[in-house]
Amino acid sequence: SKQRENETLHFYLEDMLSKNDLPLMDVLLCIDVFEHIEDYLGFLGRLRQKMDCKIIFHIPLDISVQSVLQGTLPSVRAAVGHLHYFTKETALLTLMDSGFEIIDYFYTPSSNEVGKTFKSKLAKFPRMVFSWFSPDLAVRVLGGYSLMVLVK
């Protein structure tokens, strides 16, 4: 990303909350972050107080009927280190309870695009068909999605 920097576009890979003198920014990306942080509510509260810009969150939605029935949440923790698990509703409520105003959100079908195992490829078709009829129900029942959220 550093190669693409210019006078109006800058990238930072650091703990912005520990800095006293923050650069002026229009948008902050918080991509797959707070599900890994032990005190995620404290983190979101500090982020809300310190940042005076729009923030884009990408939040994996690990809780679904399928994940509960198959008991896959422990393997998610072991594989990718998620300490907290969310549904669309709990993710949005978490952001609102932290003082953010939700501007917009949409699903990102991560498992439909990045799944490489036979099992994930097999699940791709039902997820796509199900999501045509009811995206919310597809996410809630089959899982395999994340939520992209714009807040201020």
N, C-alpha and C. Protein backbone atom coordinates (compact mmCIF):
# COMPACT_ATOMS: atom_id res chain seq x y z
N SER A 1 0.81 -1.19 0.00
CA SER A 1 0.00 0.00 0.00
C SER A 1 0.86 1.27 0.00
N LYS A 2 2.04 1.20 0.60
CA LYS A 2 2.92 2.37 0.64
C LYS A 2 3.29 2.82 -0.77
N GLN A 3 3.37 1.90 -1.70
CA GLN A 3 3.72 2.25 -3.08
C GLN A 3 2.63 3.10 -3.73
N ARG A 4 1.42 3.03 -3.24
CA ARG A 4 0.30 3.77 -3.83
C ARG A 4 0.04 5.11 -3.13
N GLU A 5 0.84 5.43 -2.12
CA GLU A 5 0.64 6.69 -1.43
C GLU A 5 0.91 7.88 -2.36
N ASN A 6 0.18 8.95 -2.09
CA ASN A 6 0.44 10.21 -2.79
C ASN A 6 0.12 11.34 -1.83
N GLU A 7 0.03 12.55 -2.31
CA GLU A 7 -0.16 13.67 -1.39
C GLU A 7 -1.53 13.69 -0.72
N THR A 8 -2.51 12.97 -1.28
CA THR A 8 -3.85 12.94 -0.66
C THR A 8 -4.24 11.57 -0.11
N LEU A 9 -3.40 10.56 -0.29
CA LEU A 9 -3.71 9.22 0.18
C LEU A 9 -2.52 8.68 0.98
N HIS A 10 -2.78 8.36 2.26
CA HIS A 10 -1.73 7.87 3.15
C HIS A 10 -2.21 6.60 3.85
N PHE A 11 -1.27 5.73 4.15
CA PHE A 11 -1.57 4.48 4.84
C PHE A 11 -0.79 4.42 6.14
N TYR A 12 -1.45 3.93 7.19
CA TYR A 12 -0.82 3.77 8.50
C TYR A 12 -1.12 2.37 9.00
N LEU A 13 -0.10 1.71 9.48
CA LEU A 13 -0.27 0.41 10.12
C LEU A 13 0.33 0.55 11.52
N GLU A 14 -0.49 1.07 12.43
CA GLU A 14 -0.01 1.34 13.78
C GLU A 14 -1.20 1.54 14.71
N ASP A 15 -0.91 1.62 15.99
CA ASP A 15 -1.95 1.85 16.99
C ASP A 15 -2.27 3.34 17.01
N MET A 16 -3.30 3.74 16.28
CA MET A 16 -3.68 5.15 16.18
C MET A 16 -4.19 5.70 17.52
N LEU A 17 -4.68 4.84 18.38
CA LEU A 17 -5.24 5.31 19.65
C LEU A 17 -4.15 5.72 20.63
N SER A 18 -2.91 5.28 20.41
CA SER A 18 -1.83 5.65 21.31
C SER A 18 -1.13 6.95 20.89
N LYS A 19 -1.50 7.47 19.73
CA LYS A 19 -0.89 8.71 19.25
C LYS A 19 -1.62 9.92 19.82
N ASN A 20 -0.85 10.96 20.18
CA ASN A 20 -1.46 12.20 20.66
C ASN A 20 -1.79 13.14 19.51
N ASP A 21 -0.96 13.13 18.49
CA ASP A 21 -1.13 14.04 17.36
C ASP A 21 -1.53 13.22 16.13
N LEU A 22 -2.83 13.09 15.92
CA LEU A 22 -3.33 12.29 14.82
C LEU A 22 -3.36 13.09 13.53
N PRO A 23 -3.05 12.44 12.42
CA PRO A 23 -3.18 13.14 11.14
C PRO A 23 -4.66 13.36 10.82
N LEU A 24 -4.94 14.40 10.07
CA LEU A 24 -6.30 14.66 9.63
C LEU A 24 -6.68 13.61 8.60
N MET A 25 -7.83 12.97 8.78
CA MET A 25 -8.24 11.94 7.83
C MET A 25 -9.73 12.02 7.58
N ASP A 26 -10.12 11.56 6.39
CA ASP A 26 -11.53 11.53 6.03
C ASP A 26 -12.18 10.21 6.43
N VAL A 27 -11.43 9.11 6.25
CA VAL A 27 -11.96 7.77 6.51
C VAL A 27 -10.87 6.93 7.17
N LEU A 28 -11.28 6.15 8.17
CA LEU A 28 -10.40 5.19 8.82
C LEU A 28 -10.96 3.80 8.53
N LEU A 29 -10.11 2.89 8.08
CA LEU A 29 -10.52 1.50 7.85
C LEU A 29 -10.19 0.67 9.08
N CYS A 30 -11.18 -0.04 9.58
CA CYS A 30 -11.00 -0.93 10.72
C CYS A 30 -11.49 -2.30 10.25
N ILE A 31 -10.64 -2.99 9.54
CA ILE A 31 -11.00 -4.20 8.82
C ILE A 31 -10.61 -5.44 9.63
N ASP A 32 -11.62 -6.22 10.03
CA ASP A 32 -11.40 -7.45 10.80
C ASP A 32 -10.49 -7.21 12.00
N VAL A 33 -10.89 -6.27 12.85
CA VAL A 33 -10.05 -5.89 13.98
C VAL A 33 -10.67 -6.25 15.33
N PHE A 34 -11.83 -5.67 15.66
CA PHE A 34 -12.24 -5.70 17.06
C PHE A 34 -12.70 -7.07 17.56
N GLU A 35 -12.95 -8.02 16.68
CA GLU A 35 -13.27 -9.38 17.14
C GLU A 35 -12.04 -10.07 17.73
N HIS A 36 -10.86 -9.48 17.53
CA HIS A 36 -9.61 -10.03 18.07
C HIS A 36 -9.18 -9.37 19.38
N ILE A 37 -9.85 -8.30 19.77
CA ILE A 37 -9.42 -7.50 20.92
C ILE A 37 -10.21 -7.91 22.16
N GLU A 38 -9.48 -8.24 23.23
CA GLU A 38 -10.12 -8.71 24.45
C GLU A 38 -11.16 -7.72 24.96
N ASP A 39 -10.78 -6.45 25.14
CA ASP A 39 -11.72 -5.43 25.60
C ASP A 39 -12.21 -4.65 24.38
N TYR A 40 -13.02 -5.28 23.55
CA TYR A 40 -13.45 -4.65 22.31
C TYR A 40 -14.38 -3.46 22.55
N LEU A 41 -15.17 -3.49 23.63
CA LEU A 41 -16.04 -2.35 23.92
C LEU A 41 -15.22 -1.13 24.35
N GLY A 42 -14.18 -1.36 25.14
CA GLY A 42 -13.28 -0.26 25.51
C GLY A 42 -12.56 0.29 24.30
N PHE A 43 -12.11 -0.59 23.42
CA PHE A 43 -11.44 -0.17 22.18
C PHE A 43 -12.38 0.69 21.34
N LEU A 44 -13.60 0.24 21.14
CA LEU A 44 -14.55 1.00 20.32
C LEU A 44 -14.88 2.34 20.96
N GLY A 45 -15.02 2.38 22.27
CA GLY A 45 -15.28 3.64 22.96
C GLY A 45 -14.13 4.62 22.79
N ARG A 46 -12.89 4.16 22.93
CA ARG A 46 -11.73 5.04 22.74
C ARG A 46 -11.64 5.49 21.29
N LEU A 47 -11.93 4.58 20.37
CA LEU A 47 -11.90 4.92 18.94
C LEU A 47 -12.93 6.02 18.65
N ARG A 48 -14.10 5.88 19.20
CA ARG A 48 -15.18 6.86 18.98
C ARG A 48 -14.79 8.23 19.52
N GLN A 49 -14.16 8.26 20.69
CA GLN A 49 -13.77 9.53 21.30
C GLN A 49 -12.62 10.20 20.56
N LYS A 50 -11.71 9.41 20.04
CA LYS A 50 -10.49 9.96 19.47
C LYS A 50 -10.60 10.32 18.00
N MET A 51 -11.40 9.58 17.24
CA MET A 51 -11.46 9.78 15.80
C MET A 51 -12.62 10.70 15.43
N ASP A 52 -12.31 11.67 14.61
CA ASP A 52 -13.34 12.61 14.14
C ASP A 52 -13.47 12.46 12.62
N CYS A 53 -13.76 11.24 12.20
CA CYS A 53 -13.90 10.96 10.78
C CYS A 53 -14.85 9.77 10.62
N LYS A 54 -15.20 9.49 9.40
CA LYS A 54 -16.00 8.30 9.16
C LYS A 54 -15.10 7.08 9.29
N ILE A 55 -15.70 5.97 9.71
CA ILE A 55 -14.94 4.72 9.88
C ILE A 55 -15.68 3.62 9.15
N ILE A 56 -14.91 2.81 8.46
CA ILE A 56 -15.46 1.63 7.80
C ILE A 56 -14.99 0.41 8.59
N PHE A 57 -15.95 -0.34 9.12
CA PHE A 57 -15.67 -1.58 9.83
C PHE A 57 -16.01 -2.75 8.92
N HIS A 58 -15.19 -3.79 8.97
CA HIS A 58 -15.52 -5.07 8.34
C HIS A 58 -15.53 -6.08 9.46
N ILE A 59 -16.69 -6.70 9.68
CA ILE A 59 -16.89 -7.56 10.85
C ILE A 59 -17.33 -8.95 10.41
N PRO A 60 -16.52 -9.97 10.68
CA PRO A 60 -16.96 -11.33 10.37
C PRO A 60 -18.19 -11.71 11.19
N LEU A 61 -19.16 -12.34 10.52
CA LEU A 61 -20.38 -12.79 11.19
C LEU A 61 -20.26 -14.29 11.40
N ASP A 62 -19.63 -14.66 12.50
CA ASP A 62 -19.32 -16.07 12.77
C ASP A 62 -20.51 -16.86 13.28
N ILE A 63 -21.50 -16.20 13.88
CA ILE A 63 -22.62 -16.92 14.47
C ILE A 63 -23.72 -17.11 13.42
N SER A 64 -24.05 -18.36 13.16
CA SER A 64 -25.16 -18.72 12.28
C SER A 64 -25.76 -20.01 12.82
N VAL A 65 -26.92 -20.36 12.31
CA VAL A 65 -27.53 -21.64 12.71
C VAL A 65 -26.56 -22.77 12.39
N GLN A 66 -25.97 -22.72 11.22
CA GLN A 66 -25.04 -23.78 10.81
C GLN A 66 -23.82 -23.86 11.73
N SER A 67 -23.24 -22.71 12.10
CA SER A 67 -22.05 -22.74 12.96
C SER A 67 -22.39 -23.25 14.36
N VAL A 68 -23.59 -22.92 14.84
CA VAL A 68 -24.00 -23.41 16.16
C VAL A 68 -24.25 -24.92 16.11
N LEU A 69 -24.98 -25.39 15.09
CA LEU A 69 -25.29 -26.82 14.99
C LEU A 69 -24.03 -27.66 14.75
N GLN A 70 -23.11 -27.14 13.96
CA GLN A 70 -21.88 -27.89 13.67
C GLN A 70 -20.82 -27.71 14.75
N GLY A 71 -21.01 -26.74 15.64
CA GLY A 71 -20.05 -26.49 16.71
C GLY A 71 -18.71 -26.00 16.21
N THR A 72 -18.71 -25.12 15.20
CA THR A 72 -17.46 -24.68 14.57
C THR A 72 -16.81 -23.46 15.22
N LEU A 73 -17.46 -22.82 16.18
CA LEU A 73 -16.88 -21.61 16.77
C LEU A 73 -15.51 -21.85 17.42
N PRO A 74 -15.30 -22.97 18.13
CA PRO A 74 -13.95 -23.21 18.67
C PRO A 74 -12.88 -23.31 17.57
N SER A 75 -13.24 -23.87 16.42
CA SER A 75 -12.25 -23.96 15.34
C SER A 75 -11.98 -22.59 14.72
N VAL A 76 -12.98 -21.71 14.73
CA VAL A 76 -12.77 -20.33 14.25
C VAL A 76 -11.77 -19.63 15.17
N ARG A 77 -11.94 -19.82 16.46
CA ARG A 77 -11.00 -19.21 17.42
C ARG A 77 -9.59 -19.72 17.20
N ALA A 78 -9.46 -21.02 17.01
CA ALA A 78 -8.13 -21.60 16.81
C ALA A 78 -7.52 -21.19 15.47
N ALA A 79 -8.34 -21.13 14.43
CA ALA A 79 -7.83 -20.85 13.09
C ALA A 79 -7.49 -19.38 12.87
N VAL A 80 -8.35 -18.47 13.31
CA VAL A 80 -8.14 -17.05 12.99
C VAL A 80 -8.07 -16.15 14.22
N GLY A 81 -8.26 -16.69 15.41
CA GLY A 81 -8.06 -15.91 16.63
C GLY A 81 -9.19 -15.00 17.04
N HIS A 82 -10.41 -15.28 16.57
CA HIS A 82 -11.54 -14.45 17.01
C HIS A 82 -11.85 -14.74 18.46
N LEU A 83 -11.87 -13.69 19.28
CA LEU A 83 -12.24 -13.83 20.68
C LEU A 83 -13.73 -13.59 20.90
N HIS A 84 -14.35 -12.88 19.94
CA HIS A 84 -15.76 -12.52 20.03
C HIS A 84 -16.44 -12.86 18.72
N TYR A 85 -17.71 -13.22 18.81
CA TYR A 85 -18.47 -13.67 17.64
C TYR A 85 -19.72 -12.81 17.50
N PHE A 86 -20.10 -12.54 16.25
CA PHE A 86 -21.20 -11.61 16.02
C PHE A 86 -22.20 -12.14 14.99
N THR A 87 -23.42 -11.65 15.12
CA THR A 87 -24.44 -11.72 14.07
C THR A 87 -24.55 -10.28 13.55
N LYS A 88 -25.33 -10.08 12.49
CA LYS A 88 -25.54 -8.72 11.99
C LYS A 88 -26.08 -7.82 13.10
N GLU A 89 -27.08 -8.32 13.82
CA GLU A 89 -27.73 -7.52 14.85
C GLU A 89 -26.77 -7.17 15.99
N THR A 90 -26.02 -8.15 16.48
CA THR A 90 -25.12 -7.86 17.60
C THR A 90 -23.98 -6.95 17.17
N ALA A 91 -23.51 -7.08 15.93
CA ALA A 91 -22.46 -6.19 15.43
C ALA A 91 -22.95 -4.75 15.36
N LEU A 92 -24.12 -4.54 14.77
CA LEU A 92 -24.67 -3.19 14.64
C LEU A 92 -24.99 -2.59 16.01
N LEU A 93 -25.57 -3.39 16.90
CA LEU A 93 -25.87 -2.89 18.25
C LEU A 93 -24.60 -2.54 19.01
N THR A 94 -23.55 -3.33 18.84
CA THR A 94 -22.27 -3.04 19.49
C THR A 94 -21.74 -1.68 19.05
N LEU A 95 -21.80 -1.41 17.75
CA LEU A 95 -21.33 -0.12 17.24
C LEU A 95 -22.21 1.03 17.76
N MET A 96 -23.52 0.84 17.74
CA MET A 96 -24.43 1.89 18.24
C MET A 96 -24.24 2.12 19.74
N ASP A 97 -24.09 1.03 20.51
CA ASP A 97 -23.88 1.16 21.95
C ASP A 97 -22.57 1.87 22.27
N SER A 98 -21.62 1.82 21.33
CA SER A 98 -20.32 2.49 21.51
C SER A 98 -20.38 3.95 21.06
N GLY A 99 -21.55 4.40 20.63
CA GLY A 99 -21.72 5.81 20.28
C GLY A 99 -21.61 6.14 18.81
N PHE A 100 -21.47 5.13 17.97
CA PHE A 100 -21.38 5.37 16.53
C PHE A 100 -22.77 5.49 15.92
N GLU A 101 -22.86 6.27 14.87
CA GLU A 101 -24.09 6.37 14.08
C GLU A 101 -23.89 5.55 12.81
N ILE A 102 -24.75 4.58 12.60
CA ILE A 102 -24.66 3.72 11.41
C ILE A 102 -25.15 4.52 10.21
N ILE A 103 -24.31 4.65 9.20
CA ILE A 103 -24.70 5.34 7.97
C ILE A 103 -25.21 4.32 6.95
N ASP A 104 -24.47 3.23 6.80
CA ASP A 104 -24.86 2.20 5.82
C ASP A 104 -24.12 0.91 6.15
N TYR A 105 -24.63 -0.20 5.63
CA TYR A 105 -23.95 -1.49 5.78
C TYR A 105 -24.40 -2.43 4.67
N PHE A 106 -23.57 -3.43 4.41
CA PHE A 106 -23.92 -4.49 3.47
C PHE A 106 -23.09 -5.72 3.79
N TYR A 107 -23.57 -6.87 3.30
CA TYR A 107 -22.86 -8.13 3.51
C TYR A 107 -21.74 -8.29 2.49
N THR A 108 -20.67 -8.93 2.93
CA THR A 108 -19.64 -9.36 2.01
C THR A 108 -19.60 -10.89 2.07
N PRO A 109 -19.80 -11.57 0.96
CA PRO A 109 -19.89 -13.04 0.96
C PRO A 109 -18.51 -13.69 0.92
N SER A 110 -17.79 -13.59 2.02
CA SER A 110 -16.41 -14.05 2.04
C SER A 110 -16.25 -15.52 1.69
N SER A 111 -17.10 -16.38 2.21
CA SER A 111 -16.92 -17.81 1.93
C SER A 111 -17.25 -18.15 0.49
N ASN A 112 -18.09 -17.37 -0.17
CA ASN A 112 -18.39 -17.63 -1.58
C ASN A 112 -17.22 -17.28 -2.48
N GLU A 113 -16.36 -16.39 -2.03
CA GLU A 113 -15.27 -15.92 -2.87
C GLU A 113 -13.94 -16.56 -2.52
N VAL A 114 -13.70 -16.86 -1.25
CA VAL A 114 -12.38 -17.35 -0.86
C VAL A 114 -12.34 -18.82 -0.45
N GLY A 115 -13.48 -19.48 -0.39
CA GLY A 115 -13.50 -20.88 0.03
C GLY A 115 -12.74 -21.77 -0.95
N LYS A 116 -11.81 -22.56 -0.42
CA LYS A 116 -10.98 -23.40 -1.29
C LYS A 116 -11.21 -24.89 -1.06
N THR A 117 -11.78 -25.25 0.06
CA THR A 117 -11.99 -26.67 0.34
C THR A 117 -13.22 -27.16 -0.43
N PHE A 118 -13.29 -28.46 -0.59
CA PHE A 118 -14.43 -29.06 -1.29
C PHE A 118 -15.74 -28.70 -0.58
N LYS A 119 -15.71 -28.76 0.75
CA LYS A 119 -16.90 -28.45 1.55
C LYS A 119 -17.36 -27.01 1.32
N SER A 120 -16.42 -26.05 1.29
CA SER A 120 -16.81 -24.66 1.09
C SER A 120 -17.29 -24.41 -0.34
N LYS A 121 -16.71 -25.12 -1.31
CA LYS A 121 -17.17 -24.99 -2.69
C LYS A 121 -18.57 -25.58 -2.85
N LEU A 122 -18.84 -26.66 -2.13
CA LEU A 122 -20.15 -27.29 -2.17
C LEU A 122 -21.22 -26.37 -1.56
N ALA A 123 -20.85 -25.61 -0.55
CA ALA A 123 -21.80 -24.73 0.13
C ALA A 123 -22.04 -23.42 -0.65
N LYS A 124 -21.21 -23.16 -1.64
CA LYS A 124 -21.31 -21.89 -2.37
C LYS A 124 -22.66 -21.74 -3.08
N PHE A 125 -23.12 -22.76 -3.76
CA PHE A 125 -24.36 -22.67 -4.53
C PHE A 125 -25.58 -22.42 -3.65
N PRO A 126 -25.80 -23.22 -2.57
CA PRO A 126 -26.96 -22.93 -1.72
C PRO A 126 -26.91 -21.53 -1.11
N ARG A 127 -25.72 -21.07 -0.73
CA ARG A 127 -25.61 -19.71 -0.18
C ARG A 127 -26.03 -18.67 -1.20
N MET A 128 -25.57 -18.82 -2.43
CA MET A 128 -25.92 -17.85 -3.47
C MET A 128 -27.42 -17.85 -3.74
N VAL A 129 -28.00 -19.05 -3.90
CA VAL A 129 -29.44 -19.14 -4.18
C VAL A 129 -30.25 -18.59 -3.02
N PHE A 130 -29.90 -19.02 -1.82
CA PHE A 130 -30.60 -18.58 -0.62
C PHE A 130 -30.53 -17.05 -0.49
N SER A 131 -29.36 -16.47 -0.77
CA SER A 131 -29.20 -15.02 -0.61
C SER A 131 -29.97 -14.22 -1.65
N TRP A 132 -30.30 -14.81 -2.79
CA TRP A 132 -31.14 -14.11 -3.78
C TRP A 132 -32.53 -13.85 -3.21
N PHE A 133 -33.05 -14.82 -2.45
CA PHE A 133 -34.40 -14.71 -1.90
C PHE A 133 -34.44 -13.90 -0.61
N SER A 134 -33.48 -14.13 0.27
CA SER A 134 -33.45 -13.43 1.55
C SER A 134 -32.02 -13.38 2.08
N PRO A 135 -31.30 -12.31 1.79
CA PRO A 135 -29.92 -12.21 2.27
C PRO A 135 -29.80 -12.36 3.78
N ASP A 136 -30.69 -11.70 4.54
CA ASP A 136 -30.61 -11.79 6.00
C ASP A 136 -30.78 -13.23 6.48
N LEU A 137 -31.73 -13.95 5.90
CA LEU A 137 -31.96 -15.33 6.30
C LEU A 137 -30.80 -16.23 5.88
N ALA A 138 -30.24 -15.99 4.71
CA ALA A 138 -29.09 -16.77 4.25
C ALA A 138 -27.92 -16.62 5.20
N VAL A 139 -27.66 -15.38 5.61
CA VAL A 139 -26.56 -15.12 6.54
C VAL A 139 -26.83 -15.76 7.88
N ARG A 140 -28.05 -15.60 8.37
CA ARG A 140 -28.42 -16.13 9.69
C ARG A 140 -28.38 -17.66 9.73
N VAL A 141 -28.81 -18.31 8.66
CA VAL A 141 -28.88 -19.78 8.65
C VAL A 141 -27.57 -20.42 8.20
N LEU A 142 -27.05 -19.98 7.06
CA LEU A 142 -25.89 -20.66 6.45
C LEU A 142 -24.54 -20.07 6.84
N GLY A 143 -24.52 -18.81 7.24
CA GLY A 143 -23.25 -18.18 7.61
C GLY A 143 -22.35 -17.95 6.40
N GLY A 144 -21.07 -17.69 6.67
CA GLY A 144 -20.12 -17.49 5.60
C GLY A 144 -20.06 -16.07 5.07
N TYR A 145 -20.53 -15.11 5.84
CA TYR A 145 -20.56 -13.71 5.42
C TYR A 145 -19.91 -12.83 6.48
N SER A 146 -19.54 -11.64 6.06
CA SER A 146 -19.10 -10.58 6.96
C SER A 146 -19.97 -9.37 6.70
N LEU A 147 -19.80 -8.36 7.55
CA LEU A 147 -20.60 -7.14 7.43
C LEU A 147 -19.66 -5.94 7.26
N MET A 148 -19.87 -5.18 6.21
CA MET A 148 -19.14 -3.93 5.98
C MET A 148 -20.05 -2.81 6.46
N VAL A 149 -19.54 -1.99 7.39
CA VAL A 149 -20.37 -0.96 8.02
C VAL A 149 -19.67 0.39 7.96
N LEU A 150 -20.39 1.41 7.50
CA LEU A 150 -19.89 2.78 7.50
C LEU A 150 -20.54 3.52 8.65
N VAL A 151 -19.72 4.13 9.51
CA VAL A 151 -20.23 4.84 10.69
C VAL A 151 -19.63 6.24 10.74
N LYS A 152 -20.28 7.09 11.54
CA LYS A 152 -19.66 8.37 11.90
C LYS A 152 -19.90 8.63 13.37
